[in-house]
Amino acid sequence: MAGLDRIDENHLTNWMYDHLRVITVPCDDADTLGRLEEAVLGEMDPVLNLKGMSRTAIRARITELRRRYT
């Protein structure tokens, strides 16, 4: 995808299916969801999450690319 002027949505979708997973976690107390999310993100440190995460070189690059393709 490097050097493209536009995003190939089909290629991106296929990459997401191959590399990303989503699970649901039941929670009776909605107030705890923010703390739960923070704990999970802190443990997993996923590079695509930017909000509330430490600034790294890869996250800076992702921010730059998101601006470019927005």
PDB file of N, CA and C in Angstrom:
ATOM      1  N   MET A   1       0.808  -1.205   0.000  1.00  0.00           N
ATOM      2  CA  MET A   1       0.000   0.000   0.000  1.00  0.00           C
ATOM      3  C   MET A   1       0.849   1.265   0.000  1.00  0.00           C
ATOM      4  N   ALA A   2       2.124   1.152   0.295  1.00  0.00           N
ATOM      5  CA  ALA A   2       2.992   2.322   0.371  1.00  0.00           C
ATOM      6  C   ALA A   2       3.020   3.052  -0.959  1.00  0.00           C
ATOM      7  N   GLY A   3       2.948   4.368  -0.899  1.00  0.00           N
ATOM      8  CA  GLY A   3       3.047   5.181  -2.081  1.00  0.00           C
ATOM      9  C   GLY A   3       1.752   5.355  -2.854  1.00  0.00           C
ATOM     10  N   LEU A   4       0.676   4.801  -2.371  1.00  0.00           N
ATOM     11  CA  LEU A   4      -0.593   4.957  -3.062  1.00  0.00           C
ATOM     12  C   LEU A   4      -1.218   6.303  -2.746  1.00  0.00           C
ATOM     13  N   ASP A   5      -1.958   6.847  -3.697  1.00  0.00           N
ATOM     14  CA  ASP A   5      -2.652   8.107  -3.482  1.00  0.00           C
ATOM     15  C   ASP A   5      -4.006   7.914  -2.819  1.00  0.00           C
ATOM     16  N   ARG A   6      -4.482   6.678  -2.808  1.00  0.00           N
ATOM     17  CA  ARG A   6      -5.763   6.388  -2.168  1.00  0.00           C
ATOM     18  C   ARG A   6      -5.657   5.031  -1.480  1.00  0.00           C
ATOM     19  N   ILE A   7      -6.586   4.779  -0.590  1.00  0.00           N
ATOM     20  CA  ILE A   7      -6.600   3.521   0.139  1.00  0.00           C
ATOM     21  C   ILE A   7      -7.382   2.487  -0.653  1.00  0.00           C
ATOM     22  N   ASP A   8      -6.813   1.318  -0.816  1.00  0.00           N
ATOM     23  CA  ASP A   8      -7.507   0.199  -1.452  1.00  0.00           C
ATOM     24  C   ASP A   8      -8.350  -0.469  -0.366  1.00  0.00           C
ATOM     25  N   GLU A   9      -9.635  -0.153  -0.318  1.00  0.00           N
ATOM     26  CA  GLU A   9     -10.519  -0.626   0.745  1.00  0.00           C
ATOM     27  C   GLU A   9     -10.593  -2.152   0.817  1.00  0.00           C
ATOM     28  N   ASN A  10     -10.616  -2.831  -0.335  1.00  0.00           N
ATOM     29  CA  ASN A  10     -10.662  -4.295  -0.332  1.00  0.00           C
ATOM     30  C   ASN A  10      -9.393  -4.885   0.275  1.00  0.00           C
ATOM     31  N   HIS A  11      -8.259  -4.358  -0.093  1.00  0.00           N
ATOM     32  CA  HIS A  11      -6.980  -4.819   0.445  1.00  0.00           C
ATOM     33  C   HIS A  11      -6.938  -4.579   1.960  1.00  0.00           C
ATOM     34  N   LEU A  12      -7.359  -3.398   2.376  1.00  0.00           N
ATOM     35  CA  LEU A  12      -7.377  -3.063   3.798  1.00  0.00           C
ATOM     36  C   LEU A  12      -8.318  -3.981   4.562  1.00  0.00           C
ATOM     37  N   THR A  13      -9.509  -4.219   4.025  1.00  0.00           N
ATOM     38  CA  THR A  13     -10.477  -5.104   4.678  1.00  0.00           C
ATOM     39  C   THR A  13      -9.912  -6.509   4.819  1.00  0.00           C
ATOM     40  N   ASN A  14      -9.295  -7.027   3.773  1.00  0.00           N
ATOM     41  CA  ASN A  14      -8.691  -8.358   3.847  1.00  0.00           C
ATOM     42  C   ASN A  14      -7.582  -8.409   4.885  1.00  0.00           C
ATOM     43  N   TRP A  15      -6.762  -7.374   4.946  1.00  0.00           N
ATOM     44  CA  TRP A  15      -5.699  -7.314   5.947  1.00  0.00           C
ATOM     45  C   TRP A  15      -6.301  -7.324   7.358  1.00  0.00           C
ATOM     46  N   MET A  16      -7.371  -6.556   7.545  1.00  0.00           N
ATOM     47  CA  MET A  16      -8.012  -6.502   8.863  1.00  0.00           C
ATOM     48  C   MET A  16      -8.557  -7.867   9.259  1.00  0.00           C
ATOM     49  N   TYR A  17      -9.208  -8.572   8.346  1.00  0.00           N
ATOM     50  CA  TYR A  17      -9.715  -9.910   8.648  1.00  0.00           C
ATOM     51  C   TYR A  17      -8.583 -10.867   9.017  1.00  0.00           C
ATOM     52  N   ASP A  18      -7.434 -10.714   8.375  1.00  0.00           N
ATOM     53  CA  ASP A  18      -6.296 -11.595   8.641  1.00  0.00           C
ATOM     54  C   ASP A  18      -5.562 -11.267   9.943  1.00  0.00           C
ATOM     55  N   HIS A  19      -5.580 -10.000  10.364  1.00  0.00           N
ATOM     56  CA  HIS A  19      -4.713  -9.580  11.459  1.00  0.00           C
ATOM     57  C   HIS A  19      -5.410  -9.065  12.718  1.00  0.00           C
ATOM     58  N   LEU A  20      -6.678  -8.728  12.655  1.00  0.00           N
ATOM     59  CA  LEU A  20      -7.352  -8.123  13.803  1.00  0.00           C
ATOM     60  C   LEU A  20      -8.438  -9.040  14.332  1.00  0.00           C
ATOM     61  N   ARG A  21      -8.623  -9.005  15.625  1.00  0.00           N
ATOM     62  CA  ARG A  21      -9.681  -9.779  16.273  1.00  0.00           C
ATOM     63  C   ARG A  21     -10.431  -8.879  17.241  1.00  0.00           C
ATOM     64  N   VAL A  22     -11.724  -9.136  17.367  1.00  0.00           N
ATOM     65  CA  VAL A  22     -12.567  -8.395  18.292  1.00  0.00           C
ATOM     66  C   VAL A  22     -13.308  -9.407  19.147  1.00  0.00           C
ATOM     67  N   ILE A  23     -13.350  -9.149  20.436  1.00  0.00           N
ATOM     68  CA  ILE A  23     -14.151  -9.985  21.324  1.00  0.00           C
ATOM     69  C   ILE A  23     -15.035  -9.081  22.168  1.00  0.00           C
ATOM     70  N   THR A  24     -16.108  -9.638  22.664  1.00  0.00           N
ATOM     71  CA  THR A  24     -16.964  -8.891  23.581  1.00  0.00           C
ATOM     72  C   THR A  24     -16.759  -9.435  24.982  1.00  0.00           C
ATOM     73  N   VAL A  25     -16.844  -8.539  25.941  1.00  0.00           N
ATOM     74  CA  VAL A  25     -16.710  -8.916  27.342  1.00  0.00           C
ATOM     75  C   VAL A  25     -17.921  -8.365  28.068  1.00  0.00           C
ATOM     76  N   PRO A  26     -18.781  -9.248  28.599  1.00  0.00           N
ATOM     77  CA  PRO A  26     -19.959  -8.757  29.317  1.00  0.00           C
ATOM     78  C   PRO A  26     -19.545  -8.035  30.599  1.00  0.00           C
ATOM     79  N   CYS A  27     -20.248  -6.964  30.889  1.00  0.00           N
ATOM     80  CA  CYS A  27     -19.944  -6.184  32.083  1.00  0.00           C
ATOM     81  C   CYS A  27     -21.247  -5.616  32.631  1.00  0.00           C
ATOM     82  N   ASP A  28     -21.585  -5.999  33.848  1.00  0.00           N
ATOM     83  CA  ASP A  28     -22.840  -5.538  34.454  1.00  0.00           C
ATOM     84  C   ASP A  28     -22.800  -4.070  34.855  1.00  0.00           C
ATOM     85  N   ASP A  29     -21.622  -3.551  35.143  1.00  0.00           N
ATOM     86  CA  ASP A  29     -21.474  -2.178  35.613  1.00  0.00           C
ATOM     87  C   ASP A  29     -20.790  -1.340  34.533  1.00  0.00           C
ATOM     88  N   ALA A  30     -21.582  -0.557  33.818  1.00  0.00           N
ATOM     89  CA  ALA A  30     -21.045   0.230  32.697  1.00  0.00           C
ATOM     90  C   ALA A  30     -19.949   1.202  33.137  1.00  0.00           C
ATOM     91  N   ASP A  31     -19.955   1.627  34.382  1.00  0.00           N
ATOM     92  CA  ASP A  31     -18.939   2.565  34.860  1.00  0.00           C
ATOM     93  C   ASP A  31     -17.542   1.946  34.873  1.00  0.00           C
ATOM     94  N   THR A  32     -17.462   0.636  34.898  1.00  0.00           N
ATOM     95  CA  THR A  32     -16.149  -0.012  34.933  1.00  0.00           C
ATOM     96  C   THR A  32     -15.555  -0.221  33.543  1.00  0.00           C
ATOM     97  N   LEU A  33     -16.339   0.024  32.495  1.00  0.00           N
ATOM     98  CA  LEU A  33     -15.858  -0.251  31.136  1.00  0.00           C
ATOM     99  C   LEU A  33     -14.629   0.574  30.774  1.00  0.00           C
ATOM    100  N   GLY A  34     -14.593   1.830  31.157  1.00  0.00           N
ATOM    101  CA  GLY A  34     -13.428   2.672  30.854  1.00  0.00           C
ATOM    102  C   GLY A  34     -12.166   2.142  31.507  1.00  0.00           C
ATOM    103  N   ARG A  35     -12.276   1.744  32.762  1.00  0.00           N
ATOM    104  CA  ARG A  35     -11.112   1.188  33.458  1.00  0.00           C
ATOM    105  C   ARG A  35     -10.695  -0.149  32.845  1.00  0.00           C
ATOM    106  N   LEU A  36     -11.680  -0.946  32.453  1.00  0.00           N
ATOM    107  CA  LEU A  36     -11.388  -2.227  31.807  1.00  0.00           C
ATOM    108  C   LEU A  36     -10.669  -2.006  30.480  1.00  0.00           C
ATOM    109  N   GLU A  37     -11.182  -1.072  29.685  1.00  0.00           N
ATOM    110  CA  GLU A  37     -10.541  -0.769  28.399  1.00  0.00           C
ATOM    111  C   GLU A  37      -9.108  -0.295  28.617  1.00  0.00           C
ATOM    112  N   GLU A  38      -8.910   0.601  29.576  1.00  0.00           N
ATOM    113  CA  GLU A  38      -7.574   1.124  29.865  1.00  0.00           C
ATOM    114  C   GLU A  38      -6.623  -0.001  30.273  1.00  0.00           C
ATOM    115  N   ALA A  39      -7.104  -0.924  31.099  1.00  0.00           N
ATOM    116  CA  ALA A  39      -6.268  -2.040  31.542  1.00  0.00           C
ATOM    117  C   ALA A  39      -5.900  -2.965  30.380  1.00  0.00           C
ATOM    118  N   VAL A  40      -6.876  -3.265  29.527  1.00  0.00           N
ATOM    119  CA  VAL A  40      -6.617  -4.147  28.377  1.00  0.00           C
ATOM    120  C   VAL A  40      -5.639  -3.484  27.416  1.00  0.00           C
ATOM    121  N   LEU A  41      -5.874  -2.213  27.094  1.00  0.00           N
ATOM    122  CA  LEU A  41      -4.976  -1.506  26.179  1.00  0.00           C
ATOM    123  C   LEU A  41      -3.576  -1.380  26.768  1.00  0.00           C
ATOM    124  N   GLY A  42      -3.496  -1.134  28.070  1.00  0.00           N
ATOM    125  CA  GLY A  42      -2.193  -1.045  28.718  1.00  0.00           C
ATOM    126  C   GLY A  42      -1.426  -2.352  28.645  1.00  0.00           C
ATOM    127  N   GLU A  43      -2.137  -3.455  28.753  1.00  0.00           N
ATOM    128  CA  GLU A  43      -1.504  -4.780  28.695  1.00  0.00           C
ATOM    129  C   GLU A  43      -1.107  -5.157  27.268  1.00  0.00           C
ATOM    130  N   MET A  44      -2.004  -4.915  26.327  1.00  0.00           N
ATOM    131  CA  MET A  44      -1.766  -5.348  24.945  1.00  0.00           C
ATOM    132  C   MET A  44      -0.960  -4.333  24.134  1.00  0.00           C
ATOM    133  N   ASP A  45      -1.073  -3.055  24.470  1.00  0.00           N
ATOM    134  CA  ASP A  45      -0.371  -1.973  23.779  1.00  0.00           C
ATOM    135  C   ASP A  45      -0.515  -2.046  22.257  1.00  0.00           C
ATOM    136  N   PRO A  46      -1.773  -2.105  21.750  1.00  0.00           N
ATOM    137  CA  PRO A  46      -1.967  -2.209  20.299  1.00  0.00           C
ATOM    138  C   PRO A  46      -1.558  -0.912  19.598  1.00  0.00           C
ATOM    139  N   VAL A  47      -0.763  -1.037  18.554  1.00  0.00           N
ATOM    140  CA  VAL A  47      -0.202   0.147  17.898  1.00  0.00           C
ATOM    141  C   VAL A  47      -1.242   1.006  17.197  1.00  0.00           C
ATOM    142  N   LEU A  48      -2.384   0.431  16.809  1.00  0.00           N
ATOM    143  CA  LEU A  48      -3.387   1.220  16.103  1.00  0.00           C
ATOM    144  C   LEU A  48      -4.223   2.076  17.037  1.00  0.00           C
ATOM    145  N   ASN A  49      -4.168   1.814  18.328  1.00  0.00           N
ATOM    146  CA  ASN A  49      -4.872   2.666  19.285  1.00  0.00           C
ATOM    147  C   ASN A  49      -3.991   3.866  19.609  1.00  0.00           C
ATOM    148  N   LEU A  50      -4.528   5.044  19.402  1.00  0.00           N
ATOM    149  CA  LEU A  50      -3.756   6.258  19.640  1.00  0.00           C
ATOM    150  C   LEU A  50      -4.217   6.991  20.891  1.00  0.00           C
ATOM    151  N   LYS A  51      -5.520   7.080  21.090  1.00  0.00           N
ATOM    152  CA  LYS A  51      -6.076   7.850  22.199  1.00  0.00           C
ATOM    153  C   LYS A  51      -5.682   7.231  23.547  1.00  0.00           C
ATOM    154  N   GLY A  52      -5.075   8.046  24.379  1.00  0.00           N
ATOM    155  CA  GLY A  52      -4.709   7.605  25.715  1.00  0.00           C
ATOM    156  C   GLY A  52      -3.499   6.695  25.780  1.00  0.00           C
ATOM    157  N   MET A  53      -2.842   6.476  24.658  1.00  0.00           N
ATOM    158  CA  MET A  53      -1.688   5.582  24.620  1.00  0.00           C
ATOM    159  C   MET A  53      -0.403   6.403  24.540  1.00  0.00           C
ATOM    160  N   SER A  54       0.708   5.786  24.949  1.00  0.00           N
ATOM    161  CA  SER A  54       1.988   6.486  24.905  1.00  0.00           C
ATOM    162  C   SER A  54       2.367   6.783  23.453  1.00  0.00           C
ATOM    163  N   ARG A  55       3.002   7.913  23.264  1.00  0.00           N
ATOM    164  CA  ARG A  55       3.409   8.343  21.922  1.00  0.00           C
ATOM    165  C   ARG A  55       4.672   7.580  21.530  1.00  0.00           C
ATOM    166  N   THR A  56       4.599   6.867  20.430  1.00  0.00           N
ATOM    167  CA  THR A  56       5.747   6.135  19.915  1.00  0.00           C
ATOM    168  C   THR A  56       5.976   6.545  18.467  1.00  0.00           C
ATOM    169  N   ALA A  57       7.092   6.126  17.909  1.00  0.00           N
ATOM    170  CA  ALA A  57       7.398   6.463  16.515  1.00  0.00           C
ATOM    171  C   ALA A  57       6.335   5.883  15.579  1.00  0.00           C
ATOM    172  N   ILE A  58       5.918   4.655  15.825  1.00  0.00           N
ATOM    173  CA  ILE A  58       4.906   4.034  14.949  1.00  0.00           C
ATOM    174  C   ILE A  58       3.570   4.753  15.081  1.00  0.00           C
ATOM    175  N   ARG A  59       3.194   5.167  16.287  1.00  0.00           N
ATOM    176  CA  ARG A  59       1.935   5.898  16.453  1.00  0.00           C
ATOM    177  C   ARG A  59       2.010   7.275  15.799  1.00  0.00           C
ATOM    178  N   ALA A  60       3.156   7.902  15.840  1.00  0.00           N
ATOM    179  CA  ALA A  60       3.325   9.187  15.154  1.00  0.00           C
ATOM    180  C   ALA A  60       3.144   9.004  13.653  1.00  0.00           C
ATOM    181  N   ARG A  61       3.682   7.928  13.117  1.00  0.00           N
ATOM    182  CA  ARG A  61       3.542   7.644  11.683  1.00  0.00           C
ATOM    183  C   ARG A  61       2.088   7.336  11.321  1.00  0.00           C
ATOM    184  N   ILE A  62       1.405   6.585  12.178  1.00  0.00           N
ATOM    185  CA  ILE A  62      -0.011   6.278  11.946  1.00  0.00           C
ATOM    186  C   ILE A  62      -0.829   7.562  11.941  1.00  0.00           C
ATOM    187  N   THR A  63      -0.550   8.459  12.885  1.00  0.00           N
ATOM    188  CA  THR A  63      -1.246   9.748  12.938  1.00  0.00           C
ATOM    189  C   THR A  63      -1.025  10.517  11.642  1.00  0.00           C
ATOM    190  N   GLU A  64       0.216  10.539  11.175  1.00  0.00           N
ATOM    191  CA  GLU A  64       0.551  11.228   9.930  1.00  0.00           C
ATOM    192  C   GLU A  64      -0.216  10.621   8.748  1.00  0.00           C
ATOM    193  N   LEU A  65      -0.254   9.308   8.665  1.00  0.00           N
ATOM    194  CA  LEU A  65      -0.949   8.644   7.564  1.00  0.00           C
ATOM    195  C   LEU A  65      -2.452   8.839   7.646  1.00  0.00           C
ATOM    196  N   ARG A  66      -2.997   8.829   8.850  1.00  0.00           N
ATOM    197  CA  ARG A  66      -4.435   9.060   8.995  1.00  0.00           C
ATOM    198  C   ARG A  66      -4.806  10.452   8.510  1.00  0.00           C
ATOM    199  N   ARG A  67      -3.974  11.431   8.826  1.00  0.00           N
ATOM    200  CA  ARG A  67      -4.225  12.806   8.350  1.00  0.00           C
ATOM    201  C   ARG A  67      -4.173  12.854   6.825  1.00  0.00           C
ATOM    202  N   ARG A  68      -3.212  12.148   6.273  1.00  0.00           N
ATOM    203  CA  ARG A  68      -3.016  12.156   4.813  1.00  0.00           C
ATOM    204  C   ARG A  68      -4.228  11.572   4.087  1.00  0.00           C
ATOM    205  N   TYR A  69      -4.830  10.523   4.643  1.00  0.00           N
ATOM    206  CA  TYR A  69      -5.916   9.834   3.954  1.00  0.00           C
ATOM    207  C   TYR A  69      -7.305  10.249   4.461  1.00  0.00           C
ATOM    208  N   THR A  70      -7.370  11.240   5.319  1.00  0.00           N
ATOM    209  CA  THR A  70      -8.671  11.699   5.807  1.00  0.00           C
ATOM    210  C   THR A  70      -9.284  12.675   4.832  1.00  0.00           C
TER     211      THR A  70
END
